[in-house]
Amino acid sequence: MLEARTRSYLIVGLFCAELVVLAMAYQFLADIDCRDTGAEGTCRFLRSLVGRGLAVLAVAAVLVRARPEAFARLLRGAAAGSNPAAWIALHLLGMLLLLLPLVLTGGRGLSEMFQPAAAVWALGAVAAAAGGILWLAPPPAWAALSPRERLALLPLFGSAVLVPDLAEAALPLWDAQMLTGATFRAVALLLGGLGADSEVDPAAYVIGVDDFFVHIAQPCSGVEGFALVAAFTVLYAVLFRTDIRPWRYWLVVLPLGLAASWGLNVLRIAALILIGARISPDLAVNGFHSYAGWMFFVALALGMLWLVQRSDWLHRRPARTAPGPSLRQDPLAACILPFVAFMASGVVAGAFFAPPDLGYPLKAGVLAAAVAWFWPVFARFDWRIDPVALAAGAAVGAGWLAFDLLFAAPGEPAAPLAEALAGLAPGALAVWIAARLIGTVLLVPLVEEAFFRGYVLARLDRGGPGWRAAAVAVSTALFAALHGRLIAAALAGLVFALVMLRRGRLADAVQAHVAANAVVALWALAFGAWERI
């Protein structure tokens, strides 16, 4: 069994996946303008919860690395304590409440009904946060920490919650002409090196190539990356203050971190310009969303600290801990981490492609890599063919198509993807279709079933009809919320759950899901209706 520190990373990874789902759902499906809600401050605070959650999870990851003994004691206390199923259920209920306004409205009219929706979001956020904290460890385990350890958690996580406010306070740096001018000159040099002549007006924050020009305002400037890098540099210095060599650390790490953040912003702006000028203005304008920017900069900060920890030159004594058992051999990690990678790849695709499904080859590549990495676990599944599972899955696929064709608004969701695919060269279209078929029919069923049935359902099922029914209901509701088509997806998730429970084999649920997706994929291939999958 993996050590407690690694298992805590898995739970944090699951929470990251949930944040990715929330970010994707409300970024791409909801129509909310805070200025039209009548409660702009509340609206902006709720929108910032994703960034605050990312900052808290990032701090938790650093804390686990910095204080492995304390977290090992915490999780040992959790293992010896009460059953965590109640806290898992509370957390998942919170997630359902956070998605409920979007599901009920389809994302339309949320500005007008903001007040009741805000109450549901607030309640869901509290339930999800409380359930997540107590899922990680129940109250007795938290109480078993030393007073010094408990007191240290409050300012650290409190500071993490305030990181978005620090980032917002740093936004006026973009108005400093020295920074703006240097950034735009670097972008122009980079574009010139790539063969594109640019026109730059740093005073007006405008830059462009050919007939495509963009105005880089404060929220899109990437300056928040400076705040994030600085905050995590300070955090590492506090947590490892007895290990680091302070002069080397501050003279090297902080300047290099700020420079890396600035360089990432230069690359982002240059890519934005080239995409708009040479590929698609609509793709450029609709890409590079704020949530994705937060994720990129948090990843940069954590990657920087990972490199710092591996440098003995910056430490009085080596800061690395002894390696634990292989992560790729752990069944729990195999159920969670590929799903996290799937969700993260969706955010990246949504940031760089419009519509997001145009970037499906990226998602398929990430899924293939994740499945290959954890194949030692998946290979141990009982893969014997189950005719019942295949028949049930085929029925689900036919029902999905029938429901979609009868009740979905024809043509409306298809237009953006159909238009984007029509503009692809034949070779690029063939690659996209191959990736879509492989991802939809083979990879997605394995990753989704491993998470929803292999992890969520199995984790909540504590034995007995009541627990089993609750586990099926929660895992099915989460599956339906992810897929958007509430009724059809709920029925599909219910069938997959029952197929797995019939013989206790997760591979049976995967086979049913493969059969369902294969039916839909064949329809899409025959009629070019790729929006159906």
Protein backbone atom coordinates (compact mmCIF):
# COMPACT_ATOMS: atom_id res chain seq x y z
CA MET A 1 0.00 0.00 0.00
CA LEU A 2 1.23 3.47 -0.83
CA GLU A 3 2.42 5.60 2.05
CA ALA A 4 -0.03 8.10 3.55
CA ARG A 5 1.68 11.06 1.91
CA THR A 6 1.06 9.71 -1.58
CA ARG A 7 -2.56 8.86 -0.81
CA SER A 8 -3.14 12.41 0.33
CA TYR A 9 -1.85 13.58 -3.05
CA LEU A 10 -4.48 11.39 -4.70
CA ILE A 11 -7.29 12.99 -2.72
CA VAL A 12 -5.95 16.45 -3.53
CA GLY A 13 -5.78 15.37 -7.18
CA LEU A 14 -9.43 14.38 -7.06
CA PHE A 15 -10.35 17.79 -5.66
CA CYS A 16 -8.37 19.38 -8.50
CA ALA A 17 -10.42 17.36 -10.99
CA GLU A 18 -13.61 18.63 -9.41
CA LEU A 19 -12.40 22.21 -9.68
CA VAL A 20 -11.61 21.57 -13.33
CA VAL A 21 -15.16 20.31 -13.88
CA LEU A 22 -16.62 23.41 -12.20
CA ALA A 23 -14.34 25.73 -14.16
CA MET A 24 -15.17 24.08 -17.48
CA ALA A 25 -18.89 23.96 -16.78
CA TYR A 26 -19.33 27.58 -15.76
CA GLN A 27 -16.75 28.97 -18.18
CA PHE A 28 -18.21 27.37 -21.29
CA LEU A 29 -21.86 26.66 -20.46
CA ALA A 30 -23.06 29.46 -18.18
CA ASP A 31 -24.14 32.93 -19.25
CA ILE A 32 -23.41 35.16 -16.24
CA ASP A 33 -22.46 38.82 -16.32
CA CYS A 34 -21.71 40.01 -12.79
CA ARG A 35 -22.72 43.57 -13.75
CA ASP A 36 -26.27 42.37 -14.47
CA THR A 37 -26.80 40.42 -11.27
CA GLY A 38 -27.49 43.28 -8.87
CA ALA A 39 -24.84 41.83 -6.55
CA GLU A 40 -21.60 42.37 -8.45
CA GLY A 41 -19.34 41.98 -5.42
CA THR A 42 -20.93 38.68 -4.40
CA CYS A 43 -20.81 37.46 -7.99
CA ARG A 44 -17.12 38.25 -8.37
CA PHE A 45 -16.34 36.58 -5.04
CA LEU A 46 -18.14 33.41 -6.10
CA ARG A 47 -16.28 33.44 -9.42
CA SER A 48 -13.02 33.68 -7.49
CA LEU A 49 -13.74 30.47 -5.55
CA VAL A 50 -12.13 28.35 -8.26
CA GLY A 51 -8.90 30.32 -7.98
CA ARG A 52 -9.05 30.22 -4.19
CA GLY A 53 -9.65 26.48 -4.26
CA LEU A 54 -6.67 25.97 -6.58
CA ALA A 55 -4.46 28.01 -4.27
CA VAL A 56 -5.60 26.04 -1.20
CA LEU A 57 -4.97 22.71 -2.92
CA ALA A 58 -1.56 23.86 -4.10
CA VAL A 59 -0.65 24.90 -0.56
CA ALA A 60 -1.91 21.51 0.69
CA ALA A 61 0.36 19.74 -1.80
CA VAL A 62 3.37 21.74 -0.61
CA LEU A 63 2.44 21.10 3.04
CA VAL A 64 2.23 17.36 2.46
CA ARG A 65 5.71 17.46 0.98
CA ALA A 66 7.07 19.70 3.72
CA ARG A 67 5.50 17.92 6.70
CA PRO A 68 5.13 14.24 5.67
CA GLU A 69 5.31 13.01 9.27
CA ALA A 70 2.40 15.20 10.41
CA PHE A 71 0.27 14.20 7.43
CA ALA A 72 1.17 10.54 7.89
CA ARG A 73 -0.08 10.75 11.48
CA LEU A 74 -3.18 12.56 10.28
CA LEU A 75 -4.04 9.89 7.74
CA ARG A 76 -3.19 7.04 10.09
CA GLY A 77 -5.65 8.59 12.51
CA ALA A 78 -8.17 8.77 9.67
CA ALA A 79 -7.68 5.09 8.85
CA ALA A 80 -8.17 4.14 12.48
CA GLY A 81 -11.17 6.42 12.92
CA SER A 82 -14.74 6.39 11.75
CA ASN A 83 -15.97 5.35 8.33
CA PRO A 84 -15.37 8.22 5.86
CA ALA A 85 -18.41 7.44 3.71
CA ALA A 86 -20.56 10.11 5.40
CA TRP A 87 -17.96 12.81 4.72
CA ILE A 88 -17.55 11.63 1.13
CA ALA A 89 -21.32 11.86 0.69
CA LEU A 90 -21.36 15.38 2.18
CA HIS A 91 -18.57 16.47 -0.16
CA LEU A 92 -20.26 14.99 -3.22
CA LEU A 93 -23.59 16.54 -2.20
CA GLY A 94 -21.81 19.90 -2.13
CA MET A 95 -20.47 19.29 -5.63
CA LEU A 96 -23.96 18.46 -6.86
CA LEU A 97 -25.31 21.68 -5.33
CA LEU A 98 -22.54 23.67 -7.03
CA LEU A 99 -23.61 22.24 -10.40
CA LEU A 100 -27.36 22.27 -9.74
CA PRO A 101 -28.16 25.83 -11.01
CA LEU A 102 -26.29 25.10 -14.23
CA VAL A 103 -28.07 21.78 -14.74
CA LEU A 104 -31.54 23.21 -14.06
CA THR A 105 -31.13 26.26 -16.32
CA GLY A 106 -28.80 24.94 -18.98
CA GLY A 107 -26.61 27.98 -18.24
CA ARG A 108 -29.13 30.51 -19.52
CA GLY A 109 -30.62 33.33 -17.48
CA LEU A 110 -28.35 32.85 -14.45
CA SER A 111 -27.73 36.61 -14.22
CA GLU A 112 -31.44 37.23 -13.70
CA MET A 113 -31.86 34.48 -11.10
CA PHE A 114 -28.53 35.11 -9.43
CA GLN A 115 -29.82 35.57 -5.86
CA PRO A 116 -31.37 32.08 -5.40
CA ALA A 117 -28.54 30.50 -7.39
CA ALA A 118 -25.96 32.22 -5.17
CA ALA A 119 -27.56 30.70 -2.07
CA VAL A 120 -27.30 27.23 -3.62
CA TRP A 121 -23.68 27.86 -4.66
CA ALA A 122 -22.75 29.10 -1.18
CA LEU A 123 -24.36 26.09 0.49
CA GLY A 124 -22.65 23.75 -1.97
CA ALA A 125 -19.26 25.38 -1.43
CA VAL A 126 -19.54 24.99 2.36
CA ALA A 127 -20.69 21.37 2.09
CA ALA A 128 -18.02 20.45 -0.46
CA ALA A 129 -15.24 22.11 1.56
CA ALA A 130 -16.35 20.68 4.91
CA GLY A 131 -16.91 17.22 3.47
CA GLY A 132 -13.54 17.30 1.71
CA ILE A 133 -11.65 18.32 4.84
CA LEU A 134 -13.35 15.66 6.96
CA TRP A 135 -12.97 13.09 4.18
CA LEU A 136 -9.23 13.62 4.32
CA ALA A 137 -9.39 13.04 8.07
CA PRO A 138 -12.33 13.01 10.53
CA PRO A 139 -12.45 15.39 13.52
CA PRO A 140 -10.59 13.07 15.95
CA ALA A 141 -7.66 12.79 13.54
CA TRP A 142 -7.44 16.57 13.17
CA ALA A 143 -7.66 16.93 16.94
CA ALA A 144 -4.76 14.49 17.31
CA LEU A 145 -2.40 16.95 15.64
CA SER A 146 -0.22 18.89 18.03
CA PRO A 147 -1.41 22.40 18.96
CA ARG A 148 1.56 23.86 17.09
CA GLU A 149 0.65 21.95 13.92
CA ARG A 150 -3.01 22.97 14.12
CA LEU A 151 -2.12 26.62 14.67
CA ALA A 152 0.25 26.55 11.69
CA LEU A 153 -2.52 25.35 9.36
CA LEU A 154 -4.75 28.36 9.96
CA PRO A 155 -2.43 31.11 8.69
CA LEU A 156 -1.13 28.96 5.83
CA PHE A 157 -4.53 28.07 4.43
CA GLY A 158 -5.86 31.52 5.29
CA SER A 159 -3.07 33.03 3.21
CA ALA A 160 -3.90 30.63 0.37
CA VAL A 161 -7.52 31.79 0.38
CA LEU A 162 -6.27 35.38 -0.01
CA VAL A 163 -3.88 34.64 -2.91
CA PRO A 164 -6.47 35.72 -5.56
CA ASP A 165 -6.81 39.04 -3.74
CA LEU A 166 -3.02 39.40 -3.83
CA ALA A 167 -3.11 38.62 -7.54
CA GLU A 168 -5.81 41.24 -8.09
CA ALA A 169 -3.79 43.78 -6.11
CA ALA A 170 -0.85 43.09 -8.45
CA LEU A 171 -2.88 43.88 -11.60
CA PRO A 172 -1.92 47.60 -11.65
CA LEU A 173 1.66 46.49 -12.35
CA TRP A 174 0.48 46.00 -15.92
CA ASP A 175 -0.01 49.76 -16.17
CA ALA A 176 3.70 50.35 -15.52
CA GLN A 177 5.05 51.28 -18.94
CA MET A 178 8.42 49.70 -18.20
CA LEU A 179 6.79 46.29 -17.75
CA THR A 180 4.28 46.73 -20.55
CA GLY A 181 6.91 48.01 -22.97
CA ALA A 182 9.33 45.19 -22.15
CA THR A 183 6.57 42.60 -22.54
CA PHE A 184 5.38 43.93 -25.89
CA ARG A 185 8.92 44.29 -27.21
CA ALA A 186 9.63 40.69 -26.26
CA VAL A 187 6.41 39.57 -27.94
CA ALA A 188 7.33 41.53 -31.07
CA LEU A 189 10.83 39.98 -31.13
CA LEU A 190 9.38 36.50 -30.69
CA LEU A 191 6.83 37.07 -33.45
CA GLY A 192 9.55 38.46 -35.70
CA GLY A 193 11.68 35.39 -35.06
CA LEU A 194 8.73 33.30 -36.18
CA GLY A 195 8.38 35.29 -39.38
CA ALA A 196 5.49 37.56 -38.41
CA ASP A 197 5.69 41.36 -38.61
CA SER A 198 3.83 42.86 -35.68
CA GLU A 199 2.48 46.29 -34.88
CA VAL A 200 2.77 47.32 -31.25
CA ASP A 201 1.31 50.17 -29.21
CA PRO A 202 2.32 49.51 -25.57
CA ALA A 203 0.71 52.74 -24.34
CA ALA A 204 -2.68 51.52 -25.57
CA TYR A 205 -1.93 47.85 -24.69
CA VAL A 206 -2.57 46.87 -28.33
CA ILE A 207 -0.54 44.44 -30.41
CA GLY A 208 -1.32 42.59 -33.60
CA VAL A 209 -0.20 40.87 -36.78
CA ASP A 210 -1.75 41.49 -40.22
CA ASP A 211 -5.36 42.47 -39.57
CA PHE A 212 -5.68 40.84 -36.16
CA PHE A 213 -5.13 43.10 -33.13
CA VAL A 214 -5.79 42.47 -29.45
CA HIS A 215 -6.04 44.72 -26.44
CA ILE A 216 -4.28 43.14 -23.46
CA ALA A 217 -6.16 44.45 -20.43
CA GLN A 218 -5.24 43.92 -16.78
CA PRO A 219 -7.25 40.71 -16.20
CA CYS A 220 -5.65 39.10 -19.27
CA SER A 221 -2.13 40.38 -18.71
CA GLY A 222 -0.74 37.42 -16.78
CA VAL A 223 0.50 39.72 -14.02
CA GLU A 224 -1.29 37.50 -11.50
CA GLY A 225 1.47 34.98 -12.22
CA PHE A 226 3.92 37.29 -10.45
CA ALA A 227 1.75 37.23 -7.33
CA LEU A 228 1.37 33.46 -7.42
CA VAL A 229 5.10 32.82 -7.89
CA ALA A 230 5.98 35.27 -5.13
CA ALA A 231 3.40 33.78 -2.76
CA PHE A 232 4.60 30.22 -3.25
CA THR A 233 8.26 31.27 -3.04
CA VAL A 234 7.53 32.77 0.38
CA LEU A 235 5.51 29.70 1.38
CA TYR A 236 8.38 27.35 0.56
CA ALA A 237 10.84 29.58 2.42
CA VAL A 238 8.62 29.47 5.52
CA LEU A 239 8.02 25.73 5.46
CA PHE A 240 11.66 24.82 4.69
CA ARG A 241 13.29 27.66 6.60
CA THR A 242 15.60 25.30 8.50
CA ASP A 243 16.74 23.57 5.30
CA ILE A 244 17.30 26.30 2.72
CA ARG A 245 20.36 28.48 2.25
CA PRO A 246 18.58 31.86 2.46
CA TRP A 247 20.94 34.00 0.41
CA ARG A 248 21.12 31.54 -2.44
CA TYR A 249 17.40 30.90 -2.28
CA TRP A 250 16.24 34.51 -2.40
CA LEU A 251 18.85 35.67 -4.89
CA VAL A 252 18.14 32.82 -7.32
CA VAL A 253 14.66 31.35 -6.88
CA LEU A 254 12.48 34.46 -6.69
CA PRO A 255 14.10 36.29 -9.67
CA LEU A 256 14.05 33.13 -11.80
CA GLY A 257 10.45 32.42 -10.82
CA LEU A 258 9.32 35.93 -11.75
CA ALA A 259 11.28 35.71 -15.00
CA ALA A 260 9.65 32.35 -15.82
CA SER A 261 6.21 33.81 -15.12
CA TRP A 262 6.95 36.78 -17.37
CA GLY A 263 8.30 34.48 -20.10
CA LEU A 264 5.17 32.32 -19.92
CA ASN A 265 3.07 35.44 -20.37
CA VAL A 266 5.13 36.51 -23.40
CA LEU A 267 4.62 33.08 -24.97
CA ARG A 268 0.90 33.21 -24.20
CA ILE A 269 0.44 36.61 -25.87
CA ALA A 270 2.53 35.61 -28.90
CA ALA A 271 0.53 32.41 -29.32
CA LEU A 272 -2.69 34.39 -28.99
CA ILE A 273 -1.60 36.74 -31.80
CA LEU A 274 -0.43 33.98 -34.14
CA ILE A 275 -3.59 31.93 -33.63
CA GLY A 276 -5.74 34.96 -34.35
CA ALA A 277 -3.76 36.05 -37.40
CA ARG A 278 -2.96 32.71 -39.01
CA ILE A 279 -5.57 30.23 -37.80
CA SER A 280 -8.80 31.64 -36.37
CA PRO A 281 -9.62 35.03 -34.79
CA ASP A 282 -12.59 33.46 -33.03
CA LEU A 283 -10.38 30.75 -31.58
CA ALA A 284 -7.94 33.36 -30.28
CA VAL A 285 -10.62 35.60 -28.78
CA ASN A 286 -12.46 32.73 -27.11
CA GLY A 287 -9.31 31.00 -25.88
CA PHE A 288 -6.90 31.59 -23.02
CA HIS A 289 -9.63 31.84 -20.41
CA SER A 290 -8.88 33.15 -16.95
CA TYR A 291 -9.41 29.80 -15.20
CA ALA A 292 -6.93 28.11 -17.52
CA GLY A 293 -4.46 30.93 -16.86
CA TRP A 294 -4.75 30.33 -13.13
CA MET A 295 -4.11 26.63 -13.63
CA PHE A 296 -1.07 27.28 -15.80
CA PHE A 297 0.48 29.69 -13.31
CA VAL A 298 -0.24 27.44 -10.32
CA ALA A 299 1.39 24.58 -12.24
CA LEU A 300 4.37 26.84 -12.95
CA ALA A 301 4.73 27.74 -9.26
CA LEU A 302 4.49 24.11 -8.11
CA GLY A 303 6.89 22.97 -10.84
CA MET A 304 9.36 25.63 -9.79
CA LEU A 305 9.19 24.49 -6.15
CA TRP A 306 9.61 20.86 -7.24
CA LEU A 307 12.84 21.80 -9.02
CA VAL A 308 13.96 23.82 -6.02
CA GLN A 309 13.46 20.86 -3.71
CA ARG A 310 15.57 18.68 -5.93
CA SER A 311 18.50 21.12 -5.77
CA ASP A 312 20.90 20.28 -2.95
CA TRP A 313 22.80 23.50 -3.75
CA LEU A 314 19.88 25.53 -2.37
CA HIS A 315 19.62 23.49 0.85
CA ARG A 316 21.80 22.97 3.88
CA ARG A 317 20.80 19.30 3.73
CA PRO A 318 18.94 17.36 1.04
CA ALA A 319 15.21 18.11 1.17
CA ARG A 320 14.09 15.07 -0.80
CA THR A 321 12.27 12.30 0.96
CA ALA A 322 12.87 8.63 0.33
CA PRO A 323 10.95 7.29 -2.66
CA GLY A 324 7.81 5.33 -1.85
CA PRO A 325 6.25 2.39 -3.67
CA SER A 326 5.54 2.78 -7.37
CA LEU A 327 2.55 5.02 -8.01
CA ARG A 328 1.67 3.27 -11.25
CA GLN A 329 1.06 0.00 -9.39
CA ASP A 330 -1.56 1.48 -7.05
CA PRO A 331 -5.23 0.72 -7.90
CA LEU A 332 -6.52 3.84 -6.15
CA ALA A 333 -4.18 6.08 -8.15
CA ALA A 334 -5.22 4.32 -11.36
CA CYS A 335 -8.87 5.10 -10.62
CA ILE A 336 -8.30 8.78 -9.83
CA LEU A 337 -5.32 10.25 -11.67
CA PRO A 338 -6.31 9.41 -15.28
CA PHE A 339 -9.64 11.12 -14.62
CA VAL A 340 -7.79 14.16 -13.23
CA ALA A 341 -5.65 14.24 -16.38
CA PHE A 342 -8.80 13.93 -18.52
CA MET A 343 -10.42 16.92 -16.83
CA ALA A 344 -7.24 19.00 -16.98
CA SER A 345 -6.80 18.27 -20.69
CA GLY A 346 -10.37 19.48 -21.22
CA VAL A 347 -9.52 22.83 -19.66
CA VAL A 348 -6.42 23.16 -21.84
CA ALA A 349 -8.44 22.25 -24.95
CA GLY A 350 -11.06 24.81 -23.98
CA ALA A 351 -8.39 27.46 -23.52
CA PHE A 352 -6.74 26.91 -26.91
CA PHE A 353 -9.53 25.64 -29.16
CA ALA A 354 -12.93 26.99 -30.09
CA PRO A 355 -15.06 24.99 -29.91
CA PRO A 356 -13.22 22.96 -27.24
CA ASP A 357 -14.00 19.65 -28.96
CA LEU A 358 -11.75 20.72 -31.82
CA GLY A 359 -8.88 19.94 -29.45
CA TYR A 360 -10.03 16.37 -28.86
CA PRO A 361 -6.75 14.85 -30.18
CA LEU A 362 -5.01 16.57 -27.26
CA LYS A 363 -7.45 15.00 -24.80
CA ALA A 364 -7.10 11.60 -26.46
CA GLY A 365 -3.31 11.82 -26.28
CA VAL A 366 -3.41 12.68 -22.58
CA LEU A 367 -5.84 9.83 -21.93
CA ALA A 368 -3.68 7.37 -23.86
CA ALA A 369 -0.60 8.38 -21.86
CA ALA A 370 -2.47 8.07 -18.55
CA VAL A 371 -3.89 4.65 -19.44
CA ALA A 372 -0.48 3.44 -20.63
CA TRP A 373 1.15 4.61 -17.40
CA PHE A 374 -1.36 2.75 -15.22
CA TRP A 375 -1.70 -0.26 -17.49
CA PRO A 376 -0.03 -2.56 -14.90
CA VAL A 377 -3.18 -1.96 -12.80
CA PHE A 378 -5.71 -2.14 -15.63
CA ALA A 379 -4.10 -5.31 -17.00
CA ARG A 380 -5.05 -7.09 -13.76
CA PHE A 381 -8.78 -6.58 -14.44
CA ASP A 382 -10.80 -9.65 -15.42
CA TRP A 383 -11.33 -8.79 -19.09
CA ARG A 384 -13.31 -11.90 -20.07
CA ILE A 385 -16.12 -10.90 -22.41
CA ASP A 386 -19.53 -10.53 -20.74
CA PRO A 387 -22.39 -10.75 -23.27
CA VAL A 388 -24.83 -9.26 -20.76
CA ALA A 389 -22.62 -6.21 -20.30
CA LEU A 390 -22.23 -5.73 -24.06
CA ALA A 391 -25.99 -6.07 -24.66
CA ALA A 392 -26.80 -3.64 -21.85
CA GLY A 393 -24.26 -1.17 -23.21
CA ALA A 394 -25.63 -1.42 -26.75
CA ALA A 395 -29.10 -0.72 -25.37
CA VAL A 396 -27.75 2.32 -23.53
CA GLY A 397 -26.15 3.61 -26.73
CA ALA A 398 -29.36 3.17 -28.72
CA GLY A 399 -31.36 4.84 -25.97
CA TRP A 400 -28.89 7.72 -25.80
CA LEU A 401 -29.26 8.33 -29.54
CA ALA A 402 -33.04 8.05 -29.41
CA PHE A 403 -33.26 10.47 -26.49
CA ASP A 404 -30.87 12.90 -28.16
CA LEU A 405 -32.67 12.81 -31.48
CA LEU A 406 -36.12 13.18 -29.91
CA PHE A 407 -35.47 15.90 -27.35
CA ALA A 408 -32.26 17.77 -28.24
CA ALA A 409 -32.54 20.96 -30.25
CA PRO A 410 -31.32 19.84 -33.69
CA GLY A 411 -28.55 21.80 -35.32
CA GLU A 412 -27.91 24.28 -32.53
CA PRO A 413 -25.03 22.54 -30.72
CA ALA A 414 -23.69 21.05 -33.93
CA ALA A 415 -22.96 24.28 -35.76
CA PRO A 416 -19.69 25.40 -34.09
CA LEU A 417 -18.04 21.97 -34.22
CA ALA A 418 -19.33 21.19 -37.72
CA GLU A 419 -18.03 24.51 -39.02
CA ALA A 420 -14.66 24.01 -37.35
CA LEU A 421 -14.27 20.50 -38.75
CA ALA A 422 -15.27 21.67 -42.23
CA GLY A 423 -12.31 24.06 -42.17
CA LEU A 424 -9.74 21.34 -41.45
CA ALA A 425 -7.48 19.92 -44.13
CA PRO A 426 -8.27 16.29 -45.08
CA GLY A 427 -5.26 14.92 -43.20
CA ALA A 428 -6.04 16.93 -40.07
CA LEU A 429 -9.68 15.83 -40.25
CA ALA A 430 -8.63 12.17 -40.50
CA VAL A 431 -6.41 12.57 -37.42
CA TRP A 432 -9.26 14.25 -35.53
CA ILE A 433 -11.76 11.50 -36.44
CA ALA A 434 -9.30 8.74 -35.47
CA ALA A 435 -8.58 10.42 -32.13
CA ARG A 436 -12.29 10.94 -31.50
CA LEU A 437 -13.14 7.31 -32.19
CA ILE A 438 -10.26 5.86 -30.17
CA GLY A 439 -10.83 8.24 -27.29
CA THR A 440 -14.60 7.84 -27.20
CA VAL A 441 -14.83 4.08 -27.71
CA LEU A 442 -11.75 2.79 -25.86
CA LEU A 443 -10.15 5.35 -23.56
CA VAL A 444 -13.01 7.36 -22.08
CA PRO A 445 -15.01 4.28 -20.95
CA LEU A 446 -12.03 2.90 -19.05
CA VAL A 447 -11.11 6.19 -17.38
CA GLU A 448 -14.68 7.20 -16.50
CA GLU A 449 -15.69 3.76 -15.20
CA ALA A 450 -12.50 3.51 -13.13
CA PHE A 451 -13.41 6.81 -11.48
CA PHE A 452 -17.21 6.76 -11.16
CA ARG A 453 -17.73 3.06 -10.51
CA GLY A 454 -14.27 1.85 -9.46
CA TYR A 455 -13.67 4.74 -7.08
CA VAL A 456 -16.79 6.77 -6.18
CA LEU A 457 -19.29 3.90 -6.08
CA ALA A 458 -16.89 1.43 -4.47
CA ARG A 459 -15.79 4.01 -1.92
CA LEU A 460 -19.34 4.83 -0.85
CA ASP A 461 -20.63 1.24 -0.88
CA ARG A 462 -20.07 0.09 2.71
CA GLY A 463 -22.32 -2.96 2.47
CA GLY A 464 -26.03 -3.35 2.92
CA PRO A 465 -28.89 -2.22 0.64
CA GLY A 466 -29.01 1.33 2.00
CA TRP A 467 -25.35 2.11 1.49
CA ARG A 468 -25.33 0.42 -1.91
CA ALA A 469 -28.36 2.38 -3.11
CA ALA A 470 -26.79 5.63 -1.88
CA ALA A 471 -23.49 4.77 -3.58
CA VAL A 472 -25.24 4.05 -6.88
CA ALA A 473 -27.30 7.24 -6.62
CA VAL A 474 -24.35 9.52 -5.87
CA SER A 475 -22.01 8.04 -8.50
CA THR A 476 -24.82 8.16 -11.08
CA ALA A 477 -25.69 11.78 -10.25
CA LEU A 478 -22.05 12.86 -10.59
CA PHE A 479 -21.75 10.97 -13.89
CA ALA A 480 -24.89 12.70 -15.17
CA ALA A 481 -23.69 16.14 -14.05
CA LEU A 482 -20.40 15.68 -15.93
CA HIS A 483 -22.15 14.75 -19.18
CA GLY A 484 -24.73 17.54 -19.17
CA ARG A 485 -27.59 15.43 -20.58
CA LEU A 486 -29.08 14.85 -17.16
CA ILE A 487 -31.75 12.19 -17.80
CA ALA A 488 -29.97 10.18 -20.50
CA ALA A 489 -26.63 10.24 -18.66
CA ALA A 490 -28.28 9.31 -15.35
CA LEU A 491 -29.93 6.27 -16.94
CA ALA A 492 -26.63 5.30 -18.57
CA GLY A 493 -24.74 5.65 -15.30
CA LEU A 494 -27.37 3.57 -13.50
CA VAL A 495 -27.05 0.76 -16.04
CA PHE A 496 -23.24 0.79 -15.84
CA ALA A 497 -23.43 0.63 -12.04
CA LEU A 498 -25.85 -2.30 -12.08
CA VAL A 499 -23.69 -4.12 -14.62
CA MET A 500 -20.67 -3.79 -12.35
CA LEU A 501 -22.57 -4.84 -9.23
CA ARG A 502 -24.02 -7.89 -11.00
CA ARG A 503 -20.74 -9.81 -10.74
CA GLY A 504 -18.54 -7.33 -8.87
CA ARG A 505 -16.31 -6.77 -11.92
CA LEU A 506 -15.34 -3.26 -12.94
CA ALA A 507 -14.31 -4.62 -16.34
CA ASP A 508 -17.97 -5.47 -17.02
CA ALA A 509 -18.95 -1.81 -16.55
CA VAL A 510 -16.11 -0.80 -18.88
CA GLN A 511 -17.36 -3.26 -21.52
CA ALA A 512 -20.90 -1.89 -21.24
CA HIS A 513 -19.60 1.67 -21.59
CA VAL A 514 -17.48 0.67 -24.60
CA ALA A 515 -20.50 -0.90 -26.27
CA ALA A 516 -22.67 2.17 -25.60
CA ASN A 517 -20.08 4.57 -26.94
CA ALA A 518 -19.39 2.34 -29.94
CA VAL A 519 -23.07 2.48 -30.97
CA VAL A 520 -23.09 6.27 -30.73
CA ALA A 521 -19.70 6.56 -32.46
CA LEU A 522 -20.86 4.43 -35.39
CA TRP A 523 -23.89 6.71 -35.79
CA ALA A 524 -21.64 9.77 -35.68
CA LEU A 525 -19.25 8.26 -38.23
CA ALA A 526 -22.07 7.29 -40.57
CA PHE A 527 -23.82 10.67 -40.49
CA GLY A 528 -20.97 13.01 -39.57
CA ALA A 529 -22.89 13.98 -36.42
CA TRP A 530 -19.88 14.32 -34.13
CA GLU A 531 -21.79 16.49 -31.67
CA ARG A 532 -23.65 13.36 -30.55
CA ILE A 533 -20.57 12.03 -28.72
